[in-house]
C-alpha atoms as a PDB file:
ATOM      1  CA  MET A   1     -23.653  -0.244 -14.068  1.00  0.00           C
ATOM      2  CA  ASN A   2     -21.804   2.606 -12.889  1.00  0.00           C
ATOM      3  CA  LYS A   3     -18.104   2.426 -11.901  1.00  0.00           C
ATOM      4  CA  ILE A   4     -16.572   4.079  -9.221  1.00  0.00           C
ATOM      5  CA  VAL A   5     -13.039   4.769  -7.604  1.00  0.00           C
ATOM      6  CA  ILE A   6     -12.705   2.734  -4.277  1.00  0.00           C
ATOM      7  CA  ALA A   7      -9.762   4.118  -2.187  1.00  0.00           C
ATOM      8  CA  ILE A   8      -8.677   2.051   0.808  1.00  0.00           C
ATOM      9  CA  ASP A   9      -6.270   3.902   3.199  1.00  0.00           C
ATOM     10  CA  GLY A  10      -5.041   3.037   6.472  1.00  0.00           C
ATOM     11  CA  PHE A  11      -2.215   1.735   8.854  1.00  0.00           C
ATOM     12  CA  SER A  12       0.580  -0.866   7.553  1.00  0.00           C
ATOM     13  CA  SER A  13      -0.322  -4.709   7.916  1.00  0.00           C
ATOM     14  CA  THR A  14      -3.878  -4.111   7.909  1.00  0.00           C
ATOM     15  CA  GLY A  15      -4.368  -6.274   5.518  1.00  0.00           C
ATOM     16  CA  LYS A  16      -5.386  -3.867   3.001  1.00  0.00           C
ATOM     17  CA  SER A  17      -4.031  -5.245   0.062  1.00  0.00           C
ATOM     18  CA  THR A  18      -5.181  -8.724   0.903  1.00  0.00           C
ATOM     19  CA  VAL A  19      -9.339  -7.205   0.934  1.00  0.00           C
ATOM     20  CA  ALA A  20      -8.638  -4.556  -1.823  1.00  0.00           C
ATOM     21  CA  LYS A  21      -7.514  -7.499  -4.326  1.00  0.00           C
ATOM     22  CA  GLN A  22     -10.560  -9.816  -3.348  1.00  0.00           C
ATOM     23  CA  LEU A  23     -12.783  -6.733  -3.588  1.00  0.00           C
ATOM     24  CA  ALA A  24     -11.656  -5.829  -7.276  1.00  0.00           C
ATOM     25  CA  LYS A  25     -11.748  -9.457  -8.357  1.00  0.00           C
ATOM     26  CA  ARG A  26     -15.069  -9.731  -7.184  1.00  0.00           C
ATOM     27  CA  LEU A  27     -16.058  -6.417  -8.382  1.00  0.00           C
ATOM     28  CA  ASN A  28     -14.057  -7.233 -12.125  1.00  0.00           C
ATOM     29  CA  TYR A  29     -12.203  -4.121 -11.271  1.00  0.00           C
ATOM     30  CA  ILE A  30      -8.841  -2.829 -11.730  1.00  0.00           C
ATOM     31  CA  TYR A  31      -6.377  -3.458  -8.641  1.00  0.00           C
ATOM     32  CA  VAL A  32      -3.361  -1.174  -7.710  1.00  0.00           C
ATOM     33  CA  ASP A  33      -1.290  -1.927  -4.829  1.00  0.00           C
ATOM     34  CA  THR A  34       0.514   1.920  -4.483  1.00  0.00           C
ATOM     35  CA  GLY A  35       2.369   0.413  -1.213  1.00  0.00           C
ATOM     36  CA  ALA A  36       4.041  -2.117  -3.365  1.00  0.00           C
ATOM     37  CA  MET A  37       5.153   1.275  -5.612  1.00  0.00           C
ATOM     38  CA  TYR A  38       6.873   3.083  -2.931  1.00  0.00           C
ATOM     39  CA  ARG A  39       8.375  -0.505  -1.607  1.00  0.00           C
ATOM     40  CA  ALA A  40       9.341  -0.649  -5.420  1.00  0.00           C
ATOM     41  CA  VAL A  41      11.464   3.030  -4.601  1.00  0.00           C
ATOM     42  CA  THR A  42      12.660   1.566  -1.685  1.00  0.00           C
ATOM     43  CA  TYR A  43      14.405  -1.307  -3.530  1.00  0.00           C
ATOM     44  CA  PHE A  44      15.660   0.431  -6.124  1.00  0.00           C
ATOM     45  CA  ALA A  45      17.434   2.929  -3.232  1.00  0.00           C
ATOM     46  CA  LEU A  46      18.804  -0.094  -1.478  1.00  0.00           C
ATOM     47  CA  ASP A  47      20.298  -1.917  -4.481  1.00  0.00           C
ATOM     48  CA  ASN A  48      22.184   1.731  -5.253  1.00  0.00           C
ATOM     49  CA  ASP A  49      23.327   1.984  -1.940  1.00  0.00           C
ATOM     50  CA  PHE A  50      21.092   5.506  -1.309  1.00  0.00           C
ATOM     51  CA  ILE A  51      20.002   4.221   1.895  1.00  0.00           C
ATOM     52  CA  GLY A  52      21.152   2.164   4.964  1.00  0.00           C
ATOM     53  CA  GLU A  53      21.470   1.853   8.652  1.00  0.00           C
ATOM     54  CA  ASP A  54      22.689   5.254   9.054  1.00  0.00           C
ATOM     55  CA  PHE A  55      22.423   6.823   6.047  1.00  0.00           C
ATOM     56  CA  PHE A  56      20.429   8.265   3.466  1.00  0.00           C
ATOM     57  CA  ASN A  57      21.119  10.253   0.450  1.00  0.00           C
ATOM     58  CA  GLU A  58      17.886  11.500  -0.468  1.00  0.00           C
ATOM     59  CA  GLU A  59      19.288  13.555  -3.111  1.00  0.00           C
ATOM     60  CA  ALA A  60      21.117  10.848  -5.086  1.00  0.00           C
ATOM     61  CA  LEU A  61      17.563   9.022  -4.776  1.00  0.00           C
ATOM     62  CA  ILE A  62      16.091  11.890  -6.356  1.00  0.00           C
ATOM     63  CA  ASP A  63      18.179  12.739  -9.313  1.00  0.00           C
ATOM     64  CA  ARG A  64      17.634   8.983 -10.564  1.00  0.00           C
ATOM     65  CA  LEU A  65      13.814   8.871 -10.043  1.00  0.00           C
ATOM     66  CA  GLY A  66      13.697   9.530 -13.743  1.00  0.00           C
ATOM     67  CA  ASP A  67      15.602   5.741 -14.152  1.00  0.00           C
ATOM     68  CA  ILE A  68      12.673   3.822 -12.231  1.00  0.00           C
ATOM     69  CA  SER A  69       9.648   2.325 -14.126  1.00  0.00           C
ATOM     70  CA  ILE A  70       7.145   0.440 -11.874  1.00  0.00           C
ATOM     71  CA  THR A  71       4.980  -1.721 -13.860  1.00  0.00           C
ATOM     72  CA  PHE A  72       2.168  -4.321 -12.992  1.00  0.00           C
ATOM     73  CA  LYS A  73       1.635  -7.559 -14.774  1.00  0.00           C
ATOM     74  CA  PHE A  74      -0.968  -9.778 -13.990  1.00  0.00           C
ATOM     75  CA  ASN A  75       0.315 -13.368 -12.601  1.00  0.00           C
ATOM     76  CA  GLU A  76      -2.690 -16.003 -13.702  1.00  0.00           C
ATOM     77  CA  ALA A  77      -1.017 -18.552 -11.479  1.00  0.00           C
ATOM     78  CA  ALA A  78      -0.733 -16.480  -8.217  1.00  0.00           C
ATOM     79  CA  GLY A  79      -4.135 -14.556  -9.183  1.00  0.00           C
ATOM     80  CA  PHE A  80      -2.801 -11.239  -8.745  1.00  0.00           C
ATOM     81  CA  ALA A  81      -0.793  -8.558 -10.371  1.00  0.00           C
ATOM     82  CA  GLU A  82       2.646  -8.457  -9.501  1.00  0.00           C
ATOM     83  CA  VAL A  83       5.038  -5.673  -9.209  1.00  0.00           C
ATOM     84  CA  TYR A  84       7.951  -5.019 -11.867  1.00  0.00           C
ATOM     85  CA  LEU A  85      10.872  -2.600 -11.621  1.00  0.00           C
ATOM     86  CA  ASN A  86      12.612  -1.830 -14.427  1.00  0.00           C
ATOM     87  CA  GLY A  87      11.323  -4.926 -16.097  1.00  0.00           C
ATOM     88  CA  LYS A  88      12.311  -6.947 -13.409  1.00  0.00           C
ATOM     89  CA  ASN A  89       9.947  -9.064 -11.474  1.00  0.00           C
ATOM     90  CA  ILE A  90      10.412  -7.595  -7.706  1.00  0.00           C
ATOM     91  CA  GLU A  91       7.422  -8.754  -5.858  1.00  0.00           C
ATOM     92  CA  ALA A  92       8.849 -11.189  -3.177  1.00  0.00           C
ATOM     93  CA  ASP A  93      12.031  -8.736  -2.883  1.00  0.00           C
ATOM     94  CA  ILE A  94       9.808  -5.969  -1.914  1.00  0.00           C
ATOM     95  CA  ARG A  95       7.776  -7.991   0.933  1.00  0.00           C
ATOM     96  CA  THR A  96      10.668  -8.436   3.308  1.00  0.00           C
ATOM     97  CA  LEU A  97      11.686  -6.658   6.183  1.00  0.00           C
ATOM     98  CA  ARG A  98      14.772  -4.841   4.997  1.00  0.00           C
ATOM     99  CA  VAL A  99      12.504  -3.062   2.544  1.00  0.00           C
ATOM    100  CA  SER A 100       9.621  -2.399   5.345  1.00  0.00           C
ATOM    101  CA  LYS A 101      12.233  -0.595   7.572  1.00  0.00           C
ATOM    102  CA  TYR A 102      13.032   1.826   5.132  1.00  0.00           C
ATOM    103  CA  VAL A 103       9.923   2.539   2.830  1.00  0.00           C
ATOM    104  CA  SER A 104       8.278   4.961   5.325  1.00  0.00           C
ATOM    105  CA  PRO A 105      11.819   7.294   5.407  1.00  0.00           C
ATOM    106  CA  VAL A 106      11.481   6.940   1.153  1.00  0.00           C
ATOM    107  CA  ALA A 107       7.795   7.853   1.147  1.00  0.00           C
ATOM    108  CA  THR A 108       8.453  11.084   3.031  1.00  0.00           C
ATOM    109  CA  LEU A 109      10.248  12.427  -0.173  1.00  0.00           C
ATOM    110  CA  SER A 110       7.755  14.906  -1.859  1.00  0.00           C
ATOM    111  CA  ALA A 111       9.449  14.098  -5.372  1.00  0.00           C
ATOM    112  CA  VAL A 112       8.738  10.615  -4.458  1.00  0.00           C
ATOM    113  CA  ARG A 113       5.168  11.178  -3.739  1.00  0.00           C
ATOM    114  CA  ARG A 114       4.527  13.649  -6.652  1.00  0.00           C
ATOM    115  CA  LYS A 115       6.059  10.585  -9.012  1.00  0.00           C
ATOM    116  CA  LEU A 116       4.180   8.015  -8.040  1.00  0.00           C
ATOM    117  CA  VAL A 117       0.627  10.311  -7.589  1.00  0.00           C
ATOM    118  CA  GLU A 118       0.677  11.145 -11.114  1.00  0.00           C
ATOM    119  CA  GLN A 119       1.376   7.466 -12.248  1.00  0.00           C
ATOM    120  CA  GLN A 120      -1.561   6.533  -9.728  1.00  0.00           C
ATOM    121  CA  GLN A 121      -3.859   9.303 -10.699  1.00  0.00           C
ATOM    122  CA  LEU A 122      -3.728   8.397 -14.364  1.00  0.00           C
ATOM    123  CA  MET A 123      -4.297   4.395 -13.489  1.00  0.00           C
ATOM    124  CA  GLY A 124      -7.652   5.666 -12.042  1.00  0.00           C
ATOM    125  CA  LYS A 125      -8.701   8.387 -14.559  1.00  0.00           C
ATOM    126  CA  ASP A 126     -11.230   5.827 -16.281  1.00  0.00           C
ATOM    127  CA  LYS A 127     -12.585   4.341 -13.054  1.00  0.00           C
ATOM    128  CA  GLY A 128     -13.448   0.797 -12.101  1.00  0.00           C
ATOM    129  CA  ILE A 129     -10.421   0.548 -10.029  1.00  0.00           C
ATOM    130  CA  VAL A 130      -9.970  -0.323  -5.885  1.00  0.00           C
ATOM    131  CA  MET A 131      -6.295   1.453  -4.848  1.00  0.00           C
ATOM    132  CA  ASP A 132      -5.108   0.853  -1.200  1.00  0.00           C
ATOM    133  CA  GLY A 133      -2.010   2.903   0.574  1.00  0.00           C
ATOM    134  CA  ARG A 134      -1.884   5.858   3.028  1.00  0.00           C
ATOM    135  CA  ASP A 135      -3.226   8.967   1.010  1.00  0.00           C
ATOM    136  CA  ILE A 136      -5.895   7.577  -1.607  1.00  0.00           C
ATOM    137  CA  GLY A 137      -8.732   9.130  -0.345  1.00  0.00           C
ATOM    138  CA  THR A 138      -6.864  12.174   0.836  1.00  0.00           C
ATOM    139  CA  VAL A 139      -4.325  13.043  -1.623  1.00  0.00           C
ATOM    140  CA  VAL A 140      -4.587  11.098  -4.735  1.00  0.00           C
ATOM    141  CA  PHE A 141      -8.213  10.775  -5.090  1.00  0.00           C
ATOM    142  CA  PRO A 142     -10.139  12.971  -2.872  1.00  0.00           C
ATOM    143  CA  ASP A 143     -13.459  12.552  -4.705  1.00  0.00           C
ATOM    144  CA  ALA A 144     -13.655   8.801  -4.784  1.00  0.00           C
ATOM    145  CA  GLU A 145     -16.979   7.938  -4.337  1.00  0.00           C
ATOM    146  CA  LEU A 146     -16.153   5.224  -1.521  1.00  0.00           C
ATOM    147  CA  LYS A 147     -13.442   5.877   0.757  1.00  0.00           C
ATOM    148  CA  ILE A 148     -12.451   2.886   3.766  1.00  0.00           C
ATOM    149  CA  PHE A 149      -9.744   3.742   6.308  1.00  0.00           C
ATOM    150  CA  MET A 150      -8.820   0.287   7.709  1.00  0.00           C
ATOM    151  CA  THR A 151      -7.358  -0.244  11.577  1.00  0.00           C
ATOM    152  CA  ALA A 152      -6.138  -2.422  13.830  1.00  0.00           C
ATOM    153  CA  SER A 153      -4.172  -2.688  17.011  1.00  0.00           C
ATOM    154  CA  ALA A 154      -0.365  -2.345  16.470  1.00  0.00           C
ATOM    155  CA  GLU A 155       0.124  -5.819  18.243  1.00  0.00           C
ATOM    156  CA  THR A 156      -2.529  -7.369  16.291  1.00  0.00           C
ATOM    157  CA  ARG A 157      -0.620  -6.237  12.742  1.00  0.00           C
ATOM    158  CA  ALA A 158       2.696  -7.028  13.880  1.00  0.00           C
ATOM    159  CA  LYS A 159       1.266 -10.639  14.674  1.00  0.00           C
ATOM    160  CA  ARG A 160      -0.292 -10.944  11.431  1.00  0.00           C
ATOM    161  CA  ARG A 161       2.908  -9.605   9.669  1.00  0.00           C
ATOM    162  CA  TYR A 162       5.359 -11.626  11.843  1.00  0.00           C
ATOM    163  CA  ASN A 163       3.087 -14.887  10.429  1.00  0.00           C
ATOM    164  CA  GLU A 164       3.232 -13.812   7.427  1.00  0.00           C
ATOM    165  CA  LEU A 165       6.895 -13.410   6.993  1.00  0.00           C
ATOM    166  CA  LEU A 166       7.583 -16.796   9.188  1.00  0.00           C
ATOM    167  CA  ASP A 167       5.670 -18.179   6.527  1.00  0.00           C
ATOM    168  CA  ARG A 168       8.091 -16.898   3.577  1.00  0.00           C
ATOM    169  CA  GLY A 169      10.897 -18.440   5.096  1.00  0.00           C
ATOM    170  CA  HIS A 170      12.204 -15.245   7.279  1.00  0.00           C
ATOM    171  CA  ASN A 171      13.723 -15.671  10.605  1.00  0.00           C
ATOM    172  CA  LEU A 172      13.371 -12.737  12.837  1.00  0.00           C
ATOM    173  CA  SER A 173      11.498 -12.002  16.185  1.00  0.00           C
ATOM    174  CA  TYR A 174       8.041 -10.690  16.988  1.00  0.00           C
ATOM    175  CA  ASP A 175       9.685  -7.611  18.784  1.00  0.00           C
ATOM    176  CA  ASP A 176      11.603  -6.618  15.411  1.00  0.00           C
ATOM    177  CA  VAL A 177       8.149  -7.014  13.298  1.00  0.00           C
ATOM    178  CA  LEU A 178       6.176  -4.754  16.361  1.00  0.00           C
ATOM    179  CA  GLU A 179       8.854  -1.943  16.551  1.00  0.00           C
ATOM    180  CA  ASN A 180       9.063  -1.837  12.769  1.00  0.00           C
ATOM    181  CA  VAL A 181       4.965  -1.731  12.701  1.00  0.00           C
ATOM    182  CA  THR A 182       5.098   1.345  15.553  1.00  0.00           C
ATOM    183  CA  THR A 183       7.826   3.024  13.881  1.00  0.00           C
ATOM    184  CA  ARG A 184       6.174   2.876  10.461  1.00  0.00           C
ATOM    185  CA  ASP A 185       2.731   4.407  12.468  1.00  0.00           C
ATOM    186  CA  ARG A 186       4.921   7.252  13.697  1.00  0.00           C
ATOM    187  CA  ILE A 187       6.416   8.107  10.636  1.00  0.00           C
ATOM    188  CA  ASP A 188       3.641   7.644   7.852  1.00  0.00           C
ATOM    189  CA  SER A 189       1.397   9.798  10.442  1.00  0.00           C
ATOM    190  CA  THR A 190       3.758  12.907  11.216  1.00  0.00           C
ATOM    191  CA  ARG A 191       5.266  13.274   7.496  1.00  0.00           C
ATOM    192  CA  GLU A 192       5.315  16.732   6.736  1.00  0.00           C
ATOM    193  CA  ASP A 193       3.955  15.419   2.857  1.00  0.00           C
ATOM    194  CA  SER A 194       0.823  13.849   2.586  1.00  0.00           C
ATOM    195  CA  PRO A 195       0.755  12.311   6.378  1.00  0.00           C
ATOM    196  CA  LEU A 196      -1.482   9.428   6.900  1.00  0.00           C
ATOM    197  CA  VAL A 197      -5.027  10.298   8.185  1.00  0.00           C
ATOM    198  CA  LYS A 198      -8.587   9.255   7.802  1.00  0.00           C
ATOM    199  CA  ALA A 199     -10.609  11.239   5.595  1.00  0.00           C
ATOM    200  CA  ASP A 200     -13.266  13.109   7.041  1.00  0.00           C
ATOM    201  CA  ASP A 201     -15.684  11.481   4.278  1.00  0.00           C
ATOM    202  CA  ALA A 202     -14.159   7.683   4.677  1.00  0.00           C
ATOM    203  CA  ILE A 203     -15.509   4.915   6.588  1.00  0.00           C
ATOM    204  CA  GLU A 204     -13.354   3.692   9.308  1.00  0.00           C
ATOM    205  CA  ILE A 205     -13.406  -0.341   9.664  1.00  0.00           C
ATOM    206  CA  ASP A 206     -11.389  -1.733  12.586  1.00  0.00           C
ATOM    207  CA  ASN A 207     -10.395  -5.067  11.418  1.00  0.00           C
ATOM    208  CA  SER A 208      -8.892  -6.458  14.757  1.00  0.00           C
ATOM    209  CA  ASN A 209     -11.320  -9.442  15.321  1.00  0.00           C
ATOM    210  CA  LEU A 210     -12.793  -9.561  11.582  1.00  0.00           C
ATOM    211  CA  THR A 211     -11.951 -12.297   9.107  1.00  0.00           C
ATOM    212  CA  ILE A 212     -10.967 -11.640   5.715  1.00  0.00           C
ATOM    213  CA  GLU A 213     -14.027 -13.037   4.583  1.00  0.00           C
ATOM    214  CA  GLU A 214     -16.285 -10.616   6.743  1.00  0.00           C
ATOM    215  CA  GLN A 215     -14.344  -7.394   5.945  1.00  0.00           C
ATOM    216  CA  LEU A 216     -14.856  -8.349   1.814  1.00  0.00           C
ATOM    217  CA  GLU A 217     -18.664  -9.154   2.230  1.00  0.00           C
ATOM    218  CA  THR A 218     -18.747  -5.474   4.378  1.00  0.00           C
ATOM    219  CA  LEU A 219     -16.938  -3.820   1.469  1.00  0.00           C
ATOM    220  CA  ILE A 220     -18.903  -5.519  -1.260  1.00  0.00           C
ATOM    221  CA  GLY A 221     -22.276  -4.462   0.739  1.00  0.00           C
ATOM    222  CA  LEU A 222     -21.071  -0.814   0.500  1.00  0.00           C
ATOM    223  CA  ALA A 223     -19.582  -0.738  -2.883  1.00  0.00           C
ATOM    224  CA  ASN A 224     -22.950  -2.093  -4.122  1.00  0.00           C
ATOM    225  CA  GLN A 225     -24.908   0.411  -2.118  1.00  0.00           C
ATOM    226  CA  ILE A 226     -23.226   3.384  -4.735  1.00  0.00           C
ATOM    227  CA  ILE A 227     -22.370   1.029  -7.884  1.00  0.00           C
ATOM    228  CA  LEU A 228     -26.422   0.295  -8.177  1.00  0.00           C
ATOM    229  CA  ASN A 229     -27.680   3.283  -7.167  1.00  0.00           C
END
């Protein structure tokens, strides 16, 4: 059976990671959440006071990129790989609105993108991988056998993100989440280095009205058309 690279790109809070994890599990593929890698760098920047409400010391962060080691370790109880920064489990820490607020500015830095893209390409050199993010099908794996572009309305995505954060015990308003979603869309789509765009050969899926199960079955069907041929 052929092993392929599956690249899933799209806007924030479209549920890319959720369906990508399930797809990888069904195919017995490796799953890599590249968004978590950028969140890890953002967490590092926040933890070292390199970025905040009205400042961003880009040079300081770039100078310390060599001190950042990002790894994934599978958690059998959770059923997915969790993110570690320099040996510390930061899976829960990077899923906060605080990190979400600053991840797009951090991801615009070319030095950050070069460092992480290099790591991502090494992870997928043997194929049999599902990777999701913003530029997987355009920059990281432009020759991926299957490219998906996920989208949904900003309001739908904000509602999903809002409910997810509430379930985790965060106290915040829907309006704050919607503002974060629309701001990230603007930054991700207009940055000079690897902006969020749909690859010419990507299949667009608007999941505004699709369940996770419906999305998964669609992706399984698309993947099997390639893998089994």
